[in-house]
Amino acid sequence: MRLTISPSDQVLKQYSNALGHLGERDGHKALARAVNRTTNTVHSRVVRAVAKQSSIPTRIVRDQVKKHTVRPGGMGTLEGIVYARGNPISLKEFRARQFSYGVKAKVWGKQTRFEGMFIFAGTYRSGKHVGNGHVFQRKGGYSSKSGRNNAIEKQFGPAVPTEIVRNEAKDEFERTVQHMLPQRVQHELARLLP
């Protein structure tokens, strides 16, 4: 998933006189600095918002949410990008604990019950992990020898690339770009104008 920050036609039109006065190279430099500052701020705010809304640990979100900024000295495209890569996160990372009914983990900001899932082998009190503390659930089908289902499947929670374009993270992105980018363009132009 990619979220792109670039100066809109409205921003360019609003500051067209100042950009014309500065010339192409200095105008590009001012816009690049504004886009980069906005991209850096959006990146930090989106990381916090994704961690808060999904309960994915911040360290994991920070590892999976990346950014690309503009090279201020060059004449490249005026575009900052905030994007995320990654797979759904194991329920283990959501402070999963086993109880008699299954597993409880904090996902999407609240404690959630996952009935029939397990962390420990045997009984819920055994303390012997099936797979390094990950959460599992039995799949359909039974073994003819033991009369019970031996196939298990690892369980996952939300994924960062999905969460980055939802709810609070999406709103935070749009709010920040809408308010901050025009202010940063004005600030950077004022720095370069005589």
N, C-alpha and C. Protein backbone atom coordinates (compact mmCIF):
# COMPACT_ATOMS: atom_id res chain seq x y z
N MET A 1 0.84 -1.17 0.00
CA MET A 1 0.00 0.00 0.00
C MET A 1 0.89 1.25 0.00
N ARG A 2 0.53 2.24 -0.79
CA ARG A 2 1.31 3.47 -0.88
C ARG A 2 0.42 4.68 -0.65
N LEU A 3 0.93 5.62 0.11
CA LEU A 3 0.26 6.91 0.30
C LEU A 3 1.23 7.96 -0.22
N THR A 4 0.78 8.81 -1.14
CA THR A 4 1.67 9.74 -1.82
C THR A 4 1.39 11.18 -1.41
N ILE A 5 2.47 11.94 -1.18
CA ILE A 5 2.38 13.36 -0.84
C ILE A 5 3.04 14.14 -1.98
N SER A 6 2.29 15.03 -2.60
CA SER A 6 2.87 15.88 -3.64
C SER A 6 2.13 17.22 -3.63
N PRO A 7 2.82 18.30 -4.00
CA PRO A 7 2.16 19.61 -4.00
C PRO A 7 0.99 19.60 -4.98
N SER A 8 -0.17 20.01 -4.52
CA SER A 8 -1.36 20.02 -5.38
C SER A 8 -1.32 21.23 -6.30
N ASP A 9 -2.17 21.20 -7.33
CA ASP A 9 -2.28 22.33 -8.25
C ASP A 9 -2.68 23.61 -7.50
N GLN A 10 -3.50 23.43 -6.47
CA GLN A 10 -3.96 24.58 -5.68
C GLN A 10 -2.78 25.23 -4.95
N VAL A 11 -1.89 24.43 -4.37
CA VAL A 11 -0.72 24.97 -3.67
C VAL A 11 0.21 25.66 -4.66
N LEU A 12 0.43 25.02 -5.81
CA LEU A 12 1.30 25.61 -6.83
C LEU A 12 0.72 26.93 -7.36
N LYS A 13 -0.59 26.96 -7.53
CA LYS A 13 -1.24 28.17 -8.02
C LYS A 13 -1.15 29.29 -6.98
N GLN A 14 -1.36 28.92 -5.71
CA GLN A 14 -1.32 29.91 -4.62
C GLN A 14 0.05 30.58 -4.52
N TYR A 15 1.11 29.82 -4.76
CA TYR A 15 2.47 30.36 -4.60
C TYR A 15 3.18 30.52 -5.94
N SER A 16 2.44 30.65 -7.02
CA SER A 16 3.06 30.72 -8.35
C SER A 16 3.95 31.95 -8.50
N ASN A 17 3.55 33.10 -7.94
CA ASN A 17 4.38 34.31 -8.06
C ASN A 17 5.72 34.13 -7.34
N ALA A 18 5.68 33.60 -6.14
CA ALA A 18 6.91 33.38 -5.38
C ALA A 18 7.80 32.36 -6.07
N LEU A 19 7.21 31.30 -6.60
CA LEU A 19 7.99 30.27 -7.31
C LEU A 19 8.60 30.86 -8.58
N GLY A 20 7.85 31.69 -9.28
CA GLY A 20 8.37 32.34 -10.49
C GLY A 20 9.52 33.28 -10.15
N HIS A 21 9.42 33.97 -9.03
CA HIS A 21 10.47 34.89 -8.61
C HIS A 21 11.76 34.14 -8.25
N LEU A 22 11.62 32.98 -7.63
CA LEU A 22 12.80 32.20 -7.23
C LEU A 22 13.49 31.54 -8.41
N GLY A 23 12.75 31.19 -9.42
CA GLY A 23 13.33 30.44 -10.53
C GLY A 23 13.12 28.95 -10.33
N GLU A 24 13.40 28.20 -11.39
CA GLU A 24 13.08 26.77 -11.39
C GLU A 24 13.86 25.99 -10.33
N ARG A 25 15.17 26.18 -10.25
CA ARG A 25 15.99 25.38 -9.33
C ARG A 25 15.66 25.68 -7.86
N ASP A 26 15.63 26.96 -7.49
CA ASP A 26 15.33 27.31 -6.09
C ASP A 26 13.87 26.99 -5.73
N GLY A 27 12.97 27.16 -6.70
CA GLY A 27 11.58 26.80 -6.47
C GLY A 27 11.43 25.31 -6.20
N HIS A 28 12.15 24.50 -6.98
CA HIS A 28 12.13 23.05 -6.78
C HIS A 28 12.71 22.71 -5.41
N LYS A 29 13.78 23.40 -5.04
CA LYS A 29 14.40 23.15 -3.73
C LYS A 29 13.43 23.43 -2.59
N ALA A 30 12.71 24.55 -2.68
CA ALA A 30 11.74 24.91 -1.63
C ALA A 30 10.61 23.89 -1.55
N LEU A 31 10.07 23.50 -2.71
CA LEU A 31 8.99 22.52 -2.72
C LEU A 31 9.47 21.15 -2.22
N ALA A 32 10.69 20.77 -2.60
CA ALA A 32 11.25 19.48 -2.16
C ALA A 32 11.41 19.46 -0.64
N ARG A 33 11.90 20.55 -0.06
CA ARG A 33 12.04 20.61 1.40
C ARG A 33 10.68 20.51 2.08
N ALA A 34 9.68 21.19 1.53
CA ALA A 34 8.33 21.15 2.11
C ALA A 34 7.75 19.73 2.04
N VAL A 35 7.90 19.09 0.89
CA VAL A 35 7.40 17.72 0.73
C VAL A 35 8.13 16.77 1.68
N ASN A 36 9.45 16.92 1.80
CA ASN A 36 10.22 16.03 2.68
C ASN A 36 9.85 16.20 4.14
N ARG A 37 9.70 17.44 4.58
CA ARG A 37 9.33 17.67 5.99
C ARG A 37 7.96 17.10 6.27
N THR A 38 7.03 17.28 5.34
CA THR A 38 5.69 16.73 5.50
C THR A 38 5.72 15.21 5.49
N THR A 39 6.51 14.62 4.59
CA THR A 39 6.63 13.16 4.51
C THR A 39 7.17 12.59 5.82
N ASN A 40 8.20 13.21 6.38
CA ASN A 40 8.78 12.73 7.64
C ASN A 40 7.76 12.79 8.78
N THR A 41 7.01 13.88 8.84
CA THR A 41 6.00 14.03 9.89
C THR A 41 4.88 13.02 9.71
N VAL A 42 4.40 12.87 8.47
CA VAL A 42 3.33 11.91 8.19
C VAL A 42 3.79 10.49 8.55
N HIS A 43 5.02 10.16 8.20
CA HIS A 43 5.55 8.82 8.51
C HIS A 43 5.46 8.54 10.00
N SER A 44 5.93 9.47 10.83
CA SER A 44 5.89 9.28 12.29
C SER A 44 4.47 9.16 12.80
N ARG A 45 3.58 10.01 12.31
CA ARG A 45 2.19 10.00 12.79
C ARG A 45 1.44 8.75 12.34
N VAL A 46 1.71 8.28 11.13
CA VAL A 46 1.05 7.07 10.63
C VAL A 46 1.53 5.85 11.43
N VAL A 47 2.81 5.80 11.75
CA VAL A 47 3.33 4.68 12.56
C VAL A 47 2.59 4.63 13.90
N ARG A 48 2.48 5.79 14.56
CA ARG A 48 1.76 5.83 15.85
C ARG A 48 0.30 5.44 15.70
N ALA A 49 -0.35 5.95 14.65
CA ALA A 49 -1.78 5.66 14.45
C ALA A 49 -2.02 4.18 14.16
N VAL A 50 -1.18 3.57 13.35
CA VAL A 50 -1.34 2.13 13.04
C VAL A 50 -1.14 1.30 14.30
N ALA A 51 -0.12 1.63 15.08
CA ALA A 51 0.13 0.89 16.32
C ALA A 51 -1.05 1.02 17.28
N LYS A 52 -1.60 2.21 17.37
CA LYS A 52 -2.72 2.45 18.29
C LYS A 52 -4.00 1.74 17.83
N GLN A 53 -4.35 1.86 16.55
CA GLN A 53 -5.62 1.31 16.09
C GLN A 53 -5.61 -0.21 15.99
N SER A 54 -4.45 -0.82 15.73
CA SER A 54 -4.41 -2.26 15.49
C SER A 54 -3.83 -3.06 16.65
N SER A 55 -3.14 -2.37 17.58
CA SER A 55 -2.42 -3.00 18.70
C SER A 55 -1.17 -3.76 18.24
N ILE A 56 -0.75 -3.56 16.99
CA ILE A 56 0.52 -4.15 16.54
C ILE A 56 1.63 -3.40 17.26
N PRO A 57 2.61 -4.11 17.83
CA PRO A 57 3.69 -3.41 18.53
C PRO A 57 4.38 -2.37 17.64
N THR A 58 4.69 -1.22 18.24
CA THR A 58 5.27 -0.10 17.49
C THR A 58 6.55 -0.49 16.76
N ARG A 59 7.38 -1.32 17.38
CA ARG A 59 8.65 -1.73 16.75
C ARG A 59 8.39 -2.45 15.43
N ILE A 60 7.33 -3.26 15.36
CA ILE A 60 7.00 -3.98 14.13
C ILE A 60 6.46 -3.00 13.09
N VAL A 61 5.59 -2.09 13.52
CA VAL A 61 5.03 -1.10 12.59
C VAL A 61 6.16 -0.25 12.01
N ARG A 62 7.07 0.19 12.88
CA ARG A 62 8.19 1.03 12.42
C ARG A 62 9.06 0.30 11.41
N ASP A 63 9.23 -1.01 11.58
CA ASP A 63 10.02 -1.80 10.63
C ASP A 63 9.33 -1.95 9.28
N GLN A 64 8.00 -1.96 9.28
CA GLN A 64 7.27 -2.24 8.04
C GLN A 64 6.78 -1.00 7.31
N VAL A 65 6.68 0.15 7.99
CA VAL A 65 6.26 1.39 7.33
C VAL A 65 7.51 2.16 6.92
N LYS A 66 7.66 2.38 5.64
CA LYS A 66 8.85 3.04 5.08
C LYS A 66 8.44 4.34 4.40
N LYS A 67 9.45 5.12 4.02
CA LYS A 67 9.17 6.39 3.32
C LYS A 67 10.24 6.64 2.27
N HIS A 68 9.84 7.36 1.23
CA HIS A 68 10.76 7.85 0.20
C HIS A 68 10.57 9.36 0.15
N THR A 69 11.67 10.08 0.15
CA THR A 69 11.60 11.54 0.08
C THR A 69 12.24 12.03 -1.23
N VAL A 70 12.14 13.32 -1.48
CA VAL A 70 12.67 13.95 -2.69
C VAL A 70 14.12 14.35 -2.43
N ARG A 71 14.94 14.25 -3.45
CA ARG A 71 16.32 14.72 -3.32
C ARG A 71 16.32 16.23 -3.57
N PRO A 72 16.54 17.05 -2.52
CA PRO A 72 16.41 18.50 -2.67
C PRO A 72 17.35 19.12 -3.69
N GLY A 73 18.51 18.58 -3.90
CA GLY A 73 19.47 19.18 -4.83
C GLY A 73 19.15 18.90 -6.29
N GLY A 74 18.40 17.84 -6.55
CA GLY A 74 18.11 17.45 -7.93
C GLY A 74 16.86 18.11 -8.45
N MET A 75 16.41 17.65 -9.59
CA MET A 75 15.20 18.20 -10.20
C MET A 75 14.19 17.09 -10.43
N GLY A 76 14.19 16.11 -9.54
CA GLY A 76 13.29 14.96 -9.69
C GLY A 76 11.85 15.29 -9.37
N THR A 77 11.02 14.25 -9.39
CA THR A 77 9.60 14.39 -9.11
C THR A 77 9.39 14.86 -7.68
N LEU A 78 8.49 15.80 -7.50
CA LEU A 78 8.18 16.34 -6.17
C LEU A 78 7.12 15.45 -5.53
N GLU A 79 7.59 14.36 -4.93
CA GLU A 79 6.66 13.38 -4.38
C GLU A 79 7.30 12.67 -3.20
N GLY A 80 6.60 12.67 -2.09
CA GLY A 80 7.02 11.88 -0.94
C GLY A 80 6.08 10.70 -0.81
N ILE A 81 6.61 9.55 -0.47
CA ILE A 81 5.79 8.34 -0.41
C ILE A 81 5.94 7.69 0.96
N VAL A 82 4.83 7.32 1.56
CA VAL A 82 4.81 6.52 2.79
C VAL A 82 4.14 5.21 2.40
N TYR A 83 4.84 4.10 2.61
CA TYR A 83 4.29 2.81 2.19
C TYR A 83 4.60 1.74 3.24
N ALA A 84 3.90 0.62 3.11
CA ALA A 84 4.10 -0.48 4.06
C ALA A 84 4.19 -1.79 3.31
N ARG A 85 5.04 -2.65 3.84
CA ARG A 85 5.18 -4.01 3.32
C ARG A 85 5.15 -4.95 4.50
N GLY A 86 4.60 -6.12 4.29
CA GLY A 86 4.61 -7.11 5.36
C GLY A 86 3.39 -7.99 5.30
N ASN A 87 3.45 -9.06 6.05
CA ASN A 87 2.38 -10.05 6.12
C ASN A 87 1.60 -9.85 7.41
N PRO A 88 0.46 -10.54 7.53
CA PRO A 88 -0.26 -10.48 8.81
C PRO A 88 0.67 -10.90 9.96
N ILE A 89 0.48 -10.25 11.10
CA ILE A 89 1.34 -10.46 12.27
C ILE A 89 0.80 -11.62 13.10
N SER A 90 1.71 -12.47 13.56
CA SER A 90 1.32 -13.61 14.40
C SER A 90 0.61 -13.12 15.65
N LEU A 91 -0.43 -13.83 16.08
CA LEU A 91 -1.16 -13.46 17.30
C LEU A 91 -0.25 -13.46 18.53
N LYS A 92 0.86 -14.15 18.44
CA LYS A 92 1.85 -14.16 19.54
C LYS A 92 2.25 -12.73 19.91
N GLU A 93 2.36 -11.86 18.91
CA GLU A 93 2.83 -10.49 19.11
C GLU A 93 1.81 -9.59 19.81
N PHE A 94 0.60 -10.09 20.00
CA PHE A 94 -0.46 -9.30 20.63
C PHE A 94 -0.67 -9.70 22.09
N ARG A 95 0.40 -10.11 22.73
CA ARG A 95 0.38 -10.53 24.14
C ARG A 95 -0.68 -11.60 24.39
N ALA A 96 -0.65 -12.63 23.57
CA ALA A 96 -1.62 -13.72 23.68
C ALA A 96 -1.36 -14.54 24.93
N ARG A 97 -2.45 -14.90 25.62
CA ARG A 97 -2.39 -15.76 26.81
C ARG A 97 -3.45 -16.84 26.68
N GLN A 98 -3.10 -18.03 27.18
CA GLN A 98 -4.04 -19.13 27.07
C GLN A 98 -4.88 -19.27 28.32
N PHE A 99 -6.17 -19.59 28.11
CA PHE A 99 -7.12 -19.86 29.19
C PHE A 99 -7.84 -21.16 28.85
N SER A 100 -8.73 -21.59 29.73
CA SER A 100 -9.42 -22.86 29.51
C SER A 100 -10.27 -22.83 28.24
N TYR A 101 -10.84 -21.69 27.87
CA TYR A 101 -11.71 -21.60 26.69
C TYR A 101 -10.95 -21.39 25.39
N GLY A 102 -9.69 -20.98 25.48
CA GLY A 102 -8.89 -20.68 24.29
C GLY A 102 -7.84 -19.65 24.60
N VAL A 103 -7.74 -18.64 23.75
CA VAL A 103 -6.69 -17.63 23.87
C VAL A 103 -7.32 -16.24 23.95
N LYS A 104 -6.68 -15.36 24.70
CA LYS A 104 -7.09 -13.95 24.76
C LYS A 104 -5.88 -13.12 24.33
N ALA A 105 -6.12 -12.15 23.44
CA ALA A 105 -5.06 -11.27 22.96
C ALA A 105 -5.63 -9.88 22.74
N LYS A 106 -4.78 -8.86 22.85
CA LYS A 106 -5.22 -7.48 22.61
C LYS A 106 -5.02 -7.14 21.14
N VAL A 107 -6.15 -7.09 20.41
CA VAL A 107 -6.12 -6.81 18.97
C VAL A 107 -7.12 -5.69 18.69
N TRP A 108 -6.75 -4.74 17.84
CA TRP A 108 -7.58 -3.59 17.48
C TRP A 108 -8.02 -2.82 18.73
N GLY A 109 -7.10 -2.69 19.68
CA GLY A 109 -7.33 -1.85 20.84
C GLY A 109 -8.14 -2.45 21.97
N LYS A 110 -8.52 -3.70 21.85
CA LYS A 110 -9.31 -4.30 22.93
C LYS A 110 -8.94 -5.77 23.12
N GLN A 111 -9.17 -6.27 24.31
CA GLN A 111 -8.94 -7.68 24.60
C GLN A 111 -9.98 -8.51 23.85
N THR A 112 -9.52 -9.48 23.09
CA THR A 112 -10.41 -10.30 22.27
C THR A 112 -10.22 -11.77 22.62
N ARG A 113 -11.33 -12.49 22.72
CA ARG A 113 -11.29 -13.93 23.00
C ARG A 113 -11.26 -14.69 21.68
N PHE A 114 -10.39 -15.68 21.61
CA PHE A 114 -10.30 -16.56 20.45
C PHE A 114 -10.56 -17.99 20.94
N GLU A 115 -11.80 -18.38 20.92
CA GLU A 115 -12.19 -19.67 21.48
C GLU A 115 -11.67 -20.81 20.62
N GLY A 116 -11.24 -21.87 21.31
CA GLY A 116 -10.75 -23.07 20.63
C GLY A 116 -9.30 -22.98 20.18
N MET A 117 -8.67 -21.84 20.34
CA MET A 117 -7.26 -21.70 19.96
C MET A 117 -6.39 -22.04 21.17
N PHE A 118 -5.12 -22.32 20.92
CA PHE A 118 -4.25 -22.72 22.02
C PHE A 118 -2.80 -22.32 21.76
N ILE A 119 -2.07 -22.22 22.86
CA ILE A 119 -0.63 -21.93 22.83
C ILE A 119 0.14 -23.13 23.37
N PHE A 120 -0.42 -23.77 24.39
CA PHE A 120 0.26 -24.87 25.07
C PHE A 120 -0.23 -26.23 24.57
N ALA A 121 0.66 -27.22 24.62
CA ALA A 121 0.31 -28.60 24.27
C ALA A 121 -0.40 -29.24 25.47
N GLY A 122 -1.29 -30.17 25.18
CA GLY A 122 -2.02 -30.83 26.26
C GLY A 122 -3.08 -29.92 26.82
N THR A 123 -3.02 -29.65 28.13
CA THR A 123 -4.00 -28.76 28.75
C THR A 123 -3.51 -27.33 28.74
N TYR A 124 -4.41 -26.41 29.01
CA TYR A 124 -4.04 -24.98 29.01
C TYR A 124 -3.08 -24.63 30.14
N ARG A 125 -2.90 -25.52 31.11
CA ARG A 125 -1.99 -25.26 32.23
C ARG A 125 -0.64 -25.92 32.06
N SER A 126 -0.42 -26.65 30.99
CA SER A 126 0.81 -27.43 30.85
C SER A 126 2.06 -26.56 30.79
N GLY A 127 1.96 -25.38 30.19
CA GLY A 127 3.13 -24.50 30.07
C GLY A 127 4.11 -24.93 29.00
N LYS A 128 3.78 -25.98 28.26
CA LYS A 128 4.66 -26.47 27.18
C LYS A 128 4.17 -25.91 25.85
N HIS A 129 4.93 -24.99 25.28
CA HIS A 129 4.53 -24.36 24.02
C HIS A 129 4.51 -25.37 22.88
N VAL A 130 3.51 -25.22 22.03
CA VAL A 130 3.43 -26.04 20.83
C VAL A 130 4.47 -25.55 19.83
N GLY A 131 4.56 -24.25 19.68
CA GLY A 131 5.48 -23.68 18.69
C GLY A 131 6.00 -22.33 19.10
N ASN A 132 6.89 -22.28 20.06
CA ASN A 132 7.58 -21.05 20.44
C ASN A 132 6.63 -19.92 20.85
N GLY A 133 5.50 -20.26 21.46
CA GLY A 133 4.58 -19.25 21.96
C GLY A 133 3.57 -18.75 20.95
N HIS A 134 3.57 -19.30 19.73
CA HIS A 134 2.59 -18.89 18.72
C HIS A 134 1.23 -19.49 19.06
N VAL A 135 0.19 -18.89 18.47
CA VAL A 135 -1.18 -19.34 18.70
C VAL A 135 -1.58 -20.25 17.54
N PHE A 136 -2.24 -21.37 17.88
CA PHE A 136 -2.66 -22.35 16.87
C PHE A 136 -4.12 -22.69 17.03
N GLN A 137 -4.68 -23.25 15.94
CA GLN A 137 -6.05 -23.76 15.96
C GLN A 137 -6.07 -25.05 15.16
N ARG A 138 -6.87 -26.00 15.63
CA ARG A 138 -6.98 -27.26 14.91
C ARG A 138 -7.74 -27.06 13.60
N LYS A 139 -7.25 -27.74 12.55
CA LYS A 139 -7.93 -27.70 11.25
C LYS A 139 -8.93 -28.84 11.19
N GLY A 140 -9.82 -28.81 10.21
CA GLY A 140 -10.82 -29.86 10.04
C GLY A 140 -10.19 -31.19 9.66
N GLY A 141 -10.87 -32.28 9.91
CA GLY A 141 -10.39 -33.62 9.55
C GLY A 141 -9.81 -34.34 10.76
N TYR A 142 -10.05 -35.62 10.86
CA TYR A 142 -9.59 -36.40 12.01
C TYR A 142 -8.70 -37.53 11.57
N SER A 143 -7.78 -37.89 12.44
CA SER A 143 -6.89 -39.02 12.20
C SER A 143 -7.65 -40.30 12.57
N SER A 144 -7.55 -41.32 11.74
CA SER A 144 -8.26 -42.57 12.03
C SER A 144 -7.62 -43.31 13.20
N LYS A 145 -6.32 -43.10 13.43
CA LYS A 145 -5.64 -43.81 14.53
C LYS A 145 -6.04 -43.26 15.89
N SER A 146 -5.90 -41.94 16.06
CA SER A 146 -6.17 -41.35 17.38
C SER A 146 -7.61 -40.92 17.57
N GLY A 147 -8.35 -40.78 16.48
CA GLY A 147 -9.73 -40.33 16.58
C GLY A 147 -9.85 -38.83 16.81
N ARG A 148 -8.75 -38.10 16.70
CA ARG A 148 -8.83 -36.66 16.87
C ARG A 148 -8.03 -35.94 15.80
N ASN A 149 -8.25 -34.69 15.69
CA ASN A 149 -7.62 -33.87 14.66
C ASN A 149 -6.19 -33.53 15.10
N ASN A 150 -5.21 -33.89 14.29
CA ASN A 150 -3.82 -33.58 14.62
C ASN A 150 -3.27 -32.41 13.82
N ALA A 151 -3.98 -31.99 12.78
CA ALA A 151 -3.51 -30.88 11.94
C ALA A 151 -3.82 -29.56 12.64
N ILE A 152 -2.79 -28.72 12.77
CA ILE A 152 -2.97 -27.41 13.40
C ILE A 152 -2.52 -26.31 12.45
N GLU A 153 -3.01 -25.11 12.69
CA GLU A 153 -2.72 -23.98 11.81
C GLU A 153 -2.38 -22.76 12.67
N LYS A 154 -1.27 -22.11 12.35
CA LYS A 154 -0.85 -20.91 13.05
C LYS A 154 -1.84 -19.78 12.78
N GLN A 155 -2.12 -18.96 13.80
CA GLN A 155 -3.12 -17.90 13.69
C GLN A 155 -2.47 -16.51 13.65
N PHE A 156 -3.10 -15.62 12.90
CA PHE A 156 -2.55 -14.28 12.68
C PHE A 156 -3.57 -13.20 13.00
N GLY A 157 -3.04 -12.01 13.27
CA GLY A 157 -3.86 -10.82 13.50
C GLY A 157 -3.80 -9.92 12.28
N PRO A 158 -3.94 -8.60 12.49
CA PRO A 158 -3.93 -7.66 11.37
C PRO A 158 -2.56 -7.54 10.70
N ALA A 159 -2.55 -6.96 9.50
CA ALA A 159 -1.32 -6.71 8.74
C ALA A 159 -1.12 -5.20 8.60
N VAL A 160 0.11 -4.74 8.70
CA VAL A 160 0.42 -3.31 8.62
C VAL A 160 -0.02 -2.70 7.28
N PRO A 161 0.25 -3.35 6.12
CA PRO A 161 -0.18 -2.74 4.86
C PRO A 161 -1.69 -2.51 4.77
N THR A 162 -2.47 -3.34 5.42
CA THR A 162 -3.92 -3.16 5.43
C THR A 162 -4.30 -2.02 6.37
N GLU A 163 -3.66 -1.98 7.51
CA GLU A 163 -4.00 -0.99 8.54
C GLU A 163 -3.59 0.43 8.16
N ILE A 164 -2.58 0.58 7.32
CA ILE A 164 -2.08 1.92 6.97
C ILE A 164 -3.11 2.74 6.19
N VAL A 165 -4.04 2.07 5.52
CA VAL A 165 -5.04 2.78 4.72
C VAL A 165 -6.44 2.70 5.33
N ARG A 166 -6.51 2.46 6.63
CA ARG A 166 -7.80 2.35 7.31
C ARG A 166 -7.89 3.33 8.47
N ASN A 167 -9.10 3.69 8.82
CA ASN A 167 -9.46 4.37 10.05
C ASN A 167 -8.54 5.53 10.41
N GLU A 168 -8.00 5.49 11.63
CA GLU A 168 -7.22 6.61 12.18
C GLU A 168 -5.94 6.87 11.38
N ALA A 169 -5.28 5.83 10.89
CA ALA A 169 -4.04 6.02 10.13
C ALA A 169 -4.32 6.80 8.84
N LYS A 170 -5.37 6.44 8.14
CA LYS A 170 -5.74 7.14 6.90
C LYS A 170 -6.14 8.58 7.21
N ASP A 171 -6.95 8.77 8.25
CA ASP A 171 -7.37 10.12 8.63
C ASP A 171 -6.19 10.99 9.03
N GLU A 172 -5.25 10.42 9.78
CA GLU A 172 -4.06 11.15 10.22
C GLU A 172 -3.22 11.58 9.01
N PHE A 173 -3.07 10.69 8.05
CA PHE A 173 -2.34 11.00 6.82
C PHE A 173 -2.98 12.19 6.11
N GLU A 174 -4.28 12.09 5.86
CA GLU A 174 -4.97 13.14 5.10
C GLU A 174 -4.97 14.47 5.83
N ARG A 175 -5.21 14.43 7.15
CA ARG A 175 -5.22 15.66 7.95
C ARG A 175 -3.86 16.35 7.92
N THR A 176 -2.82 15.58 8.14
CA THR A 176 -1.47 16.14 8.21
C THR A 176 -1.06 16.76 6.88
N VAL A 177 -1.29 16.04 5.79
CA VAL A 177 -0.90 16.56 4.46
C VAL A 177 -1.70 17.81 4.14
N GLN A 178 -2.99 17.78 4.40
CA GLN A 178 -3.85 18.92 4.07
C GLN A 178 -3.44 20.19 4.82
N HIS A 179 -3.09 20.06 6.09
CA HIS A 179 -2.76 21.24 6.88
C HIS A 179 -1.28 21.62 6.80
N MET A 180 -0.42 20.62 6.79
CA MET A 180 1.01 20.91 6.92
C MET A 180 1.68 21.31 5.61
N LEU A 181 1.34 20.65 4.50
CA LEU A 181 2.05 20.91 3.24
C LEU A 181 1.98 22.37 2.80
N PRO A 182 0.80 23.01 2.77
CA PRO A 182 0.79 24.43 2.37
C PRO A 182 1.61 25.32 3.33
N GLN A 183 1.56 25.02 4.63
CA GLN A 183 2.34 25.81 5.59
C GLN A 183 3.83 25.64 5.36
N ARG A 184 4.26 24.39 5.07
CA ARG A 184 5.69 24.14 4.84
C ARG A 184 6.15 24.81 3.54
N VAL A 185 5.30 24.80 2.51
CA VAL A 185 5.67 25.46 1.25
C VAL A 185 5.86 26.95 1.51
N GLN A 186 4.94 27.56 2.23
CA GLN A 186 5.05 28.98 2.56
C GLN A 186 6.33 29.26 3.35
N HIS A 187 6.62 28.43 4.34
CA HIS A 187 7.81 28.60 5.17
C HIS A 187 9.09 28.49 4.33
N GLU A 188 9.17 27.47 3.50
CA GLU A 188 10.39 27.26 2.70
C GLU A 188 10.58 28.36 1.65
N LEU A 189 9.48 28.83 1.07
CA LEU A 189 9.60 29.95 0.11
C LEU A 189 10.08 31.22 0.81
N ALA A 190 9.56 31.47 2.01
CA ALA A 190 9.96 32.65 2.77
C ALA A 190 11.44 32.60 3.12
N ARG A 191 11.97 31.42 3.36
CA ARG A 191 13.40 31.28 3.67
C ARG A 191 14.29 31.64 2.50
N LEU A 192 13.82 31.33 1.27
CA LEU A 192 14.66 31.54 0.10
C LEU A 192 14.45 32.89 -0.60
N LEU A 193 13.28 33.50 -0.35
CA LEU A 193 13.04 34.80 -0.99
C LEU A 193 13.86 35.89 -0.30
N PRO A 194 14.38 36.86 -1.11
CA PRO A 194 15.17 37.95 -0.49
C PRO A 194 14.30 38.86 0.36
